[in-house]
Amino acid sequence: MKIQKIFHYAYIIFAVLFLYDAISKWSDNRNGAYMSLLFAALATFMFFFRKRFSKKFEDRNNK
């Protein structure tokens, strides 16, 4: 379970990295910046989705 929680926060780290990449590419390559923003949004979504799914799974196992 601890490793799973570490991977939850890895999604946030990737989202921050993709956001930084999008900001750095914004003036030179807009299409690349949009792709990085898409990946940042996807990583953020995955963080919340996996966190919620893990909580449901944990609650089900506790019953």
Protein backbone atom coordinates (compact mmCIF):
# COMPACT_ATOMS: atom_id res chain seq x y z
CA MET A 1 0.00 0.00 0.00
CA LYS A 2 2.86 2.42 0.67
CA ILE A 3 4.25 1.98 -2.82
CA GLN A 4 0.81 2.68 -4.23
CA LYS A 5 0.62 5.96 -2.30
CA ILE A 6 4.04 6.94 -3.63
CA PHE A 7 2.79 6.39 -7.18
CA HIS A 8 -0.22 8.60 -6.45
CA TYR A 9 2.09 11.50 -5.77
CA ALA A 10 4.25 10.62 -8.77
CA TYR A 11 1.29 11.67 -10.92
CA ILE A 12 1.38 15.12 -9.30
CA ILE A 13 5.13 15.35 -9.89
CA PHE A 14 4.63 14.47 -13.56
CA ALA A 15 1.84 17.04 -13.83
CA VAL A 16 4.16 19.75 -12.48
CA LEU A 17 6.92 18.69 -14.86
CA PHE A 18 4.59 18.76 -17.86
CA LEU A 19 3.26 22.16 -16.78
CA TYR A 20 6.81 23.50 -16.57
CA ASP A 21 7.52 22.03 -20.01
CA ALA A 22 4.41 23.71 -21.43
CA ILE A 23 5.42 27.09 -20.00
CA SER A 24 8.93 26.79 -21.39
CA LYS A 25 7.66 25.79 -24.87
CA TRP A 26 4.83 28.34 -25.02
CA SER A 27 6.64 31.03 -27.03
CA ASP A 28 8.50 28.70 -29.41
CA ASN A 29 6.26 25.73 -30.07
CA ARG A 30 2.56 26.17 -29.24
CA ASN A 31 1.57 22.68 -30.43
CA GLY A 32 4.14 21.10 -28.13
CA ALA A 33 2.95 23.29 -25.29
CA TYR A 34 -0.63 22.15 -25.84
CA MET A 35 0.47 18.53 -25.72
CA SER A 36 2.31 19.14 -22.46
CA LEU A 37 -0.78 20.83 -21.03
CA LEU A 38 -2.86 17.84 -22.09
CA PHE A 39 -0.47 15.46 -20.33
CA ALA A 40 -0.45 17.67 -17.23
CA ALA A 41 -4.25 17.58 -17.13
CA LEU A 42 -4.23 13.82 -17.68
CA ALA A 43 -1.72 13.28 -14.86
CA THR A 44 -3.82 15.43 -12.52
CA PHE A 45 -6.95 13.48 -13.45
CA MET A 46 -5.14 10.19 -12.88
CA PHE A 47 -4.00 11.35 -9.44
CA PHE A 48 -7.55 12.04 -8.28
CA PHE A 49 -9.01 8.99 -10.03
CA ARG A 50 -6.48 6.57 -8.58
CA LYS A 51 -6.75 8.13 -5.12
CA ARG A 52 -10.54 7.78 -5.14
CA PHE A 53 -10.40 4.24 -6.53
CA SER A 54 -7.86 3.22 -3.88
CA LYS A 55 -10.04 4.62 -1.13
CA LYS A 56 -13.07 2.68 -2.41
CA PHE A 57 -11.00 -0.49 -2.63
CA GLU A 58 -9.62 0.02 0.89
CA ASP A 59 -13.09 0.68 2.32
CA ARG A 60 -14.40 -2.46 0.64
CA ASN A 61 -11.59 -4.54 2.13
CA ASN A 62 -12.22 -3.15 5.62
CA LYS A 63 -15.85 -4.32 5.60
